Amino acid sequence: MSQQSQTVLVTGANGYIGNAVCRAFVQAGWVVYGLVRKLDTFSDLAAEEIIPIQGSIGDNAFVPVLLAQQKTFNVIVSTTEILGKFESHFQDIVSMLLVVSEKSNEAGV
């Protein structure tokens, strides 16, 4: 019986902390999806075996694209921050986490 790969979604995957988190998961053998805002970072992430997903915290329009590629996530890590808008950014993160985790739960994780 083959064991299914563990999957993780990391927001802010092209940032200093987010990229380090992504690389640690890749080294541990996980399938890593990285949420980024800019298309020009895709090739750098892909070279590090991170599957780039374009999107932004606060706009869940990326979720259908993400779920078309991967229906379940074992872990979701958010490494983004907006210091001047902490409260609203936090609410956006919680909203995104709920949407993705509910869809993942519906698919069995």
N, C-alpha and C. Protein backbone atom coordinates (compact mmCIF):
# COMPACT_ATOMS: atom_id res chain seq x y z
N MET A 1 0.85 -1.18 0.00
CA MET A 1 0.00 0.00 0.00
C MET A 1 0.89 1.24 0.00
N SER A 2 0.66 2.15 -0.94
CA SER A 2 1.47 3.37 -0.97
C SER A 2 0.84 4.42 -0.06
N GLN A 3 1.73 5.16 0.57
CA GLN A 3 1.26 6.20 1.47
C GLN A 3 1.06 7.49 0.69
N GLN A 4 -0.07 8.15 0.92
CA GLN A 4 -0.36 9.39 0.22
C GLN A 4 0.52 10.51 0.77
N SER A 5 0.99 11.39 -0.10
CA SER A 5 1.84 12.50 0.30
C SER A 5 1.08 13.47 1.20
N GLN A 6 1.81 14.04 2.13
CA GLN A 6 1.28 15.11 2.97
C GLN A 6 1.32 16.40 2.16
N THR A 7 0.29 17.23 2.30
CA THR A 7 0.22 18.47 1.54
C THR A 7 0.10 19.66 2.48
N VAL A 8 0.71 20.77 2.07
CA VAL A 8 0.68 21.99 2.85
C VAL A 8 0.45 23.18 1.91
N LEU A 9 -0.31 24.15 2.38
CA LEU A 9 -0.48 25.43 1.70
C LEU A 9 0.19 26.48 2.57
N VAL A 10 1.10 27.25 1.97
CA VAL A 10 1.81 28.30 2.70
C VAL A 10 1.49 29.63 2.03
N THR A 11 0.96 30.58 2.79
CA THR A 11 0.73 31.92 2.25
C THR A 11 2.02 32.73 2.39
N GLY A 12 2.21 33.66 1.49
CA GLY A 12 3.43 34.47 1.54
C GLY A 12 4.66 33.65 1.18
N ALA A 13 4.52 32.73 0.24
CA ALA A 13 5.57 31.77 -0.08
C ALA A 13 6.83 32.40 -0.66
N ASN A 14 6.73 33.60 -1.18
CA ASN A 14 7.92 34.24 -1.74
C ASN A 14 8.58 35.20 -0.75
N GLY A 15 8.04 35.32 0.45
CA GLY A 15 8.65 36.16 1.47
C GLY A 15 9.77 35.42 2.19
N TYR A 16 10.51 36.13 3.00
CA TYR A 16 11.66 35.57 3.70
C TYR A 16 11.25 34.38 4.58
N ILE A 17 10.26 34.58 5.42
CA ILE A 17 9.82 33.50 6.32
C ILE A 17 9.03 32.46 5.55
N GLY A 18 8.10 32.89 4.72
CA GLY A 18 7.27 31.96 3.96
C GLY A 18 8.09 31.04 3.09
N ASN A 19 9.11 31.56 2.43
CA ASN A 19 9.93 30.73 1.57
C ASN A 19 10.74 29.72 2.40
N ALA A 20 11.23 30.14 3.54
CA ALA A 20 11.96 29.21 4.42
C ALA A 20 11.04 28.09 4.91
N VAL A 21 9.81 28.44 5.24
CA VAL A 21 8.83 27.43 5.66
C VAL A 21 8.56 26.46 4.51
N CYS A 22 8.36 26.99 3.32
CA CYS A 22 8.12 26.13 2.15
C CYS A 22 9.28 25.17 1.93
N ARG A 23 10.50 25.68 1.95
CA ARG A 23 11.67 24.84 1.71
C ARG A 23 11.81 23.76 2.77
N ALA A 24 11.48 24.07 4.02
CA ALA A 24 11.55 23.06 5.08
C ALA A 24 10.54 21.94 4.83
N PHE A 25 9.33 22.29 4.41
CA PHE A 25 8.34 21.26 4.08
C PHE A 25 8.78 20.43 2.88
N VAL A 26 9.34 21.07 1.85
CA VAL A 26 9.84 20.34 0.68
C VAL A 26 10.91 19.35 1.11
N GLN A 27 11.86 19.80 1.93
CA GLN A 27 12.94 18.92 2.40
C GLN A 27 12.39 17.74 3.20
N ALA A 28 11.27 17.94 3.88
CA ALA A 28 10.65 16.87 4.67
C ALA A 28 9.79 15.94 3.81
N GLY A 29 9.72 16.21 2.50
CA GLY A 29 9.01 15.32 1.59
C GLY A 29 7.55 15.67 1.36
N TRP A 30 7.11 16.83 1.80
CA TRP A 30 5.73 17.25 1.62
C TRP A 30 5.52 17.82 0.21
N VAL A 31 4.28 17.78 -0.26
CA VAL A 31 3.88 18.49 -1.47
C VAL A 31 3.48 19.89 -1.00
N VAL A 32 4.16 20.91 -1.54
CA VAL A 32 4.02 22.27 -1.02
C VAL A 32 3.39 23.17 -2.08
N TYR A 33 2.31 23.84 -1.70
CA TYR A 33 1.65 24.85 -2.51
C TYR A 33 1.93 26.20 -1.87
N GLY A 34 2.39 27.15 -2.67
CA GLY A 34 2.73 28.46 -2.14
C GLY A 34 1.85 29.55 -2.73
N LEU A 35 1.14 30.27 -1.87
CA LEU A 35 0.29 31.38 -2.32
C LEU A 35 1.13 32.64 -2.44
N VAL A 36 1.12 33.23 -3.62
CA VAL A 36 1.87 34.46 -3.89
C VAL A 36 1.00 35.41 -4.70
N ARG A 37 1.31 36.70 -4.60
CA ARG A 37 0.55 37.70 -5.35
C ARG A 37 1.07 37.92 -6.76
N LYS A 38 2.37 37.73 -6.97
CA LYS A 38 3.00 38.11 -8.24
C LYS A 38 3.37 36.90 -9.08
N LEU A 39 2.99 36.95 -10.36
CA LEU A 39 3.32 35.89 -11.31
C LEU A 39 4.83 35.76 -11.53
N ASP A 40 5.57 36.85 -11.40
CA ASP A 40 7.01 36.80 -11.70
C ASP A 40 7.81 35.97 -10.69
N THR A 41 7.18 35.52 -9.62
CA THR A 41 7.88 34.66 -8.65
C THR A 41 7.64 33.18 -8.93
N PHE A 42 6.79 32.85 -9.87
CA PHE A 42 6.43 31.45 -10.13
C PHE A 42 7.64 30.58 -10.47
N SER A 43 8.50 31.05 -11.36
CA SER A 43 9.61 30.20 -11.79
C SER A 43 10.58 29.94 -10.65
N ASP A 44 10.82 30.92 -9.80
CA ASP A 44 11.71 30.72 -8.64
C ASP A 44 11.14 29.69 -7.69
N LEU A 45 9.84 29.78 -7.42
CA LEU A 45 9.21 28.81 -6.53
C LEU A 45 9.21 27.42 -7.14
N ALA A 46 8.86 27.32 -8.41
CA ALA A 46 8.81 26.02 -9.07
C ALA A 46 10.19 25.36 -9.06
N ALA A 47 11.25 26.16 -9.19
CA ALA A 47 12.61 25.62 -9.16
C ALA A 47 12.94 25.01 -7.79
N GLU A 48 12.24 25.45 -6.76
CA GLU A 48 12.44 24.93 -5.40
C GLU A 48 11.41 23.86 -5.04
N GLU A 49 10.69 23.36 -6.07
CA GLU A 49 9.66 22.33 -5.91
C GLU A 49 8.46 22.81 -5.08
N ILE A 50 8.18 24.09 -5.18
CA ILE A 50 7.02 24.70 -4.55
C ILE A 50 6.03 25.00 -5.66
N ILE A 51 4.81 24.54 -5.53
CA ILE A 51 3.79 24.74 -6.56
C ILE A 51 3.15 26.11 -6.32
N PRO A 52 3.41 27.07 -7.20
CA PRO A 52 2.89 28.42 -6.97
C PRO A 52 1.41 28.55 -7.32
N ILE A 53 0.71 29.28 -6.48
CA ILE A 53 -0.70 29.62 -6.70
C ILE A 53 -0.81 31.14 -6.58
N GLN A 54 -1.32 31.78 -7.61
CA GLN A 54 -1.47 33.23 -7.54
C GLN A 54 -2.75 33.58 -6.81
N GLY A 55 -2.63 34.47 -5.85
CA GLY A 55 -3.79 34.91 -5.10
C GLY A 55 -3.38 35.85 -4.00
N SER A 56 -4.36 36.26 -3.25
CA SER A 56 -4.12 37.24 -2.19
C SER A 56 -5.03 36.96 -1.01
N ILE A 57 -4.48 37.12 0.18
CA ILE A 57 -5.30 37.04 1.39
C ILE A 57 -6.35 38.15 1.27
N GLY A 58 -7.58 37.84 1.55
CA GLY A 58 -8.65 38.84 1.46
C GLY A 58 -9.44 38.72 0.17
N ASP A 59 -8.95 37.92 -0.77
CA ASP A 59 -9.66 37.67 -2.02
C ASP A 59 -9.59 36.18 -2.28
N ASN A 60 -10.63 35.48 -1.92
CA ASN A 60 -10.63 34.02 -2.03
C ASN A 60 -10.89 33.51 -3.45
N ALA A 61 -10.73 34.38 -4.45
CA ALA A 61 -10.93 33.98 -5.84
C ALA A 61 -9.93 32.91 -6.27
N PHE A 62 -8.80 32.79 -5.59
CA PHE A 62 -7.80 31.78 -5.94
C PHE A 62 -8.21 30.37 -5.50
N VAL A 63 -9.17 30.26 -4.59
CA VAL A 63 -9.50 28.96 -4.00
C VAL A 63 -9.94 27.93 -5.04
N PRO A 64 -10.83 28.25 -5.99
CA PRO A 64 -11.19 27.24 -7.00
C PRO A 64 -10.00 26.76 -7.81
N VAL A 65 -9.08 27.65 -8.14
CA VAL A 65 -7.87 27.27 -8.89
C VAL A 65 -7.02 26.34 -8.04
N LEU A 66 -6.87 26.66 -6.78
CA LEU A 66 -6.10 25.83 -5.85
C LEU A 66 -6.73 24.44 -5.73
N LEU A 67 -8.04 24.40 -5.50
CA LEU A 67 -8.72 23.13 -5.28
C LEU A 67 -8.82 22.29 -6.55
N ALA A 68 -8.68 22.92 -7.72
CA ALA A 68 -8.63 22.14 -8.96
C ALA A 68 -7.32 21.35 -9.04
N GLN A 69 -6.29 21.84 -8.36
CA GLN A 69 -5.00 21.15 -8.36
C GLN A 69 -4.85 20.20 -7.18
N GLN A 70 -5.41 20.59 -6.03
CA GLN A 70 -5.26 19.80 -4.81
C GLN A 70 -6.52 19.98 -3.97
N LYS A 71 -7.20 18.89 -3.68
CA LYS A 71 -8.47 18.98 -2.95
C LYS A 71 -8.32 18.96 -1.44
N THR A 72 -7.20 18.43 -0.94
CA THR A 72 -7.03 18.32 0.50
C THR A 72 -5.68 18.88 0.95
N PHE A 73 -5.66 19.43 2.15
CA PHE A 73 -4.43 19.93 2.76
C PHE A 73 -4.36 19.42 4.19
N ASN A 74 -3.20 18.90 4.53
CA ASN A 74 -2.98 18.44 5.90
C ASN A 74 -2.64 19.61 6.81
N VAL A 75 -1.99 20.62 6.25
CA VAL A 75 -1.55 21.78 7.03
C VAL A 75 -1.72 23.03 6.18
N ILE A 76 -2.13 24.13 6.82
CA ILE A 76 -2.17 25.44 6.18
C ILE A 76 -1.37 26.38 7.07
N VAL A 77 -0.38 27.06 6.48
CA VAL A 77 0.50 27.96 7.23
C VAL A 77 0.37 29.35 6.64
N SER A 78 0.11 30.34 7.47
CA SER A 78 0.05 31.71 6.99
C SER A 78 1.24 32.49 7.54
N THR A 79 2.01 33.07 6.62
CA THR A 79 3.19 33.82 7.04
C THR A 79 3.10 35.28 6.61
N THR A 80 1.90 35.75 6.32
CA THR A 80 1.73 37.13 5.86
C THR A 80 1.39 38.04 7.02
N GLU A 81 1.68 39.33 6.83
CA GLU A 81 1.31 40.32 7.83
C GLU A 81 1.17 41.68 7.17
N ILE A 82 0.30 42.47 7.72
CA ILE A 82 0.18 43.88 7.34
C ILE A 82 0.07 44.62 8.67
N LEU A 83 1.16 45.17 9.11
CA LEU A 83 1.21 45.76 10.45
C LEU A 83 0.23 46.90 10.64
N GLY A 84 0.05 47.73 9.65
CA GLY A 84 -0.86 48.86 9.79
C GLY A 84 -2.33 48.48 9.76
N LYS A 85 -2.62 47.26 9.29
CA LYS A 85 -4.00 46.80 9.18
C LYS A 85 -4.11 45.41 9.80
N PHE A 86 -3.53 45.23 10.97
CA PHE A 86 -3.46 43.91 11.58
C PHE A 86 -4.83 43.26 11.73
N GLU A 87 -5.79 43.98 12.28
CA GLU A 87 -7.09 43.38 12.58
C GLU A 87 -7.82 42.91 11.32
N SER A 88 -7.88 43.76 10.31
CA SER A 88 -8.58 43.36 9.08
C SER A 88 -7.82 42.26 8.35
N HIS A 89 -6.49 42.31 8.38
CA HIS A 89 -5.70 41.26 7.74
C HIS A 89 -5.91 39.93 8.47
N PHE A 90 -5.96 39.97 9.77
CA PHE A 90 -6.21 38.76 10.55
C PHE A 90 -7.56 38.16 10.18
N GLN A 91 -8.59 38.99 10.04
CA GLN A 91 -9.91 38.50 9.65
C GLN A 91 -9.87 37.88 8.25
N ASP A 92 -9.11 38.48 7.34
CA ASP A 92 -8.96 37.93 6.00
C ASP A 92 -8.27 36.56 6.04
N ILE A 93 -7.26 36.42 6.88
CA ILE A 93 -6.56 35.14 7.03
C ILE A 93 -7.51 34.09 7.56
N VAL A 94 -8.26 34.42 8.60
CA VAL A 94 -9.21 33.47 9.17
C VAL A 94 -10.24 33.04 8.13
N SER A 95 -10.74 33.99 7.35
CA SER A 95 -11.71 33.68 6.30
C SER A 95 -11.12 32.70 5.29
N MET A 96 -9.90 32.96 4.84
CA MET A 96 -9.24 32.08 3.88
C MET A 96 -9.01 30.70 4.49
N LEU A 97 -8.54 30.65 5.73
CA LEU A 97 -8.30 29.37 6.40
C LEU A 97 -9.58 28.55 6.50
N LEU A 98 -10.68 29.20 6.84
CA LEU A 98 -11.96 28.49 6.94
C LEU A 98 -12.41 27.92 5.61
N VAL A 99 -12.31 28.73 4.55
CA VAL A 99 -12.75 28.27 3.23
C VAL A 99 -11.92 27.07 2.78
N VAL A 100 -10.60 27.18 2.85
CA VAL A 100 -9.74 26.10 2.37
C VAL A 100 -9.87 24.86 3.26
N SER A 101 -9.90 25.06 4.58
CA SER A 101 -9.99 23.89 5.47
C SER A 101 -11.35 23.21 5.37
N GLU A 102 -12.43 23.95 5.19
CA GLU A 102 -13.75 23.33 5.02
C GLU A 102 -13.78 22.50 3.74
N LYS A 103 -13.22 23.01 2.65
CA LYS A 103 -13.17 22.26 1.40
C LYS A 103 -12.29 21.01 1.55
N SER A 104 -11.21 21.15 2.28
CA SER A 104 -10.32 20.00 2.53
C SER A 104 -11.04 18.95 3.36
N ASN A 105 -11.77 19.39 4.37
CA ASN A 105 -12.54 18.46 5.20
C ASN A 105 -13.61 17.74 4.38
N GLU A 106 -14.27 18.46 3.49
CA GLU A 106 -15.29 17.85 2.62
C GLU A 106 -14.68 16.76 1.74
N ALA A 107 -13.40 16.92 1.41
CA ALA A 107 -12.73 15.94 0.55
C ALA A 107 -12.03 14.85 1.34
N GLY A 108 -12.18 14.87 2.67
CA GLY A 108 -11.67 13.75 3.46
C GLY A 108 -10.52 14.01 4.39
N VAL A 109 -10.02 15.23 4.48
CA VAL A 109 -8.93 15.51 5.43
C VAL A 109 -9.41 16.55 6.43
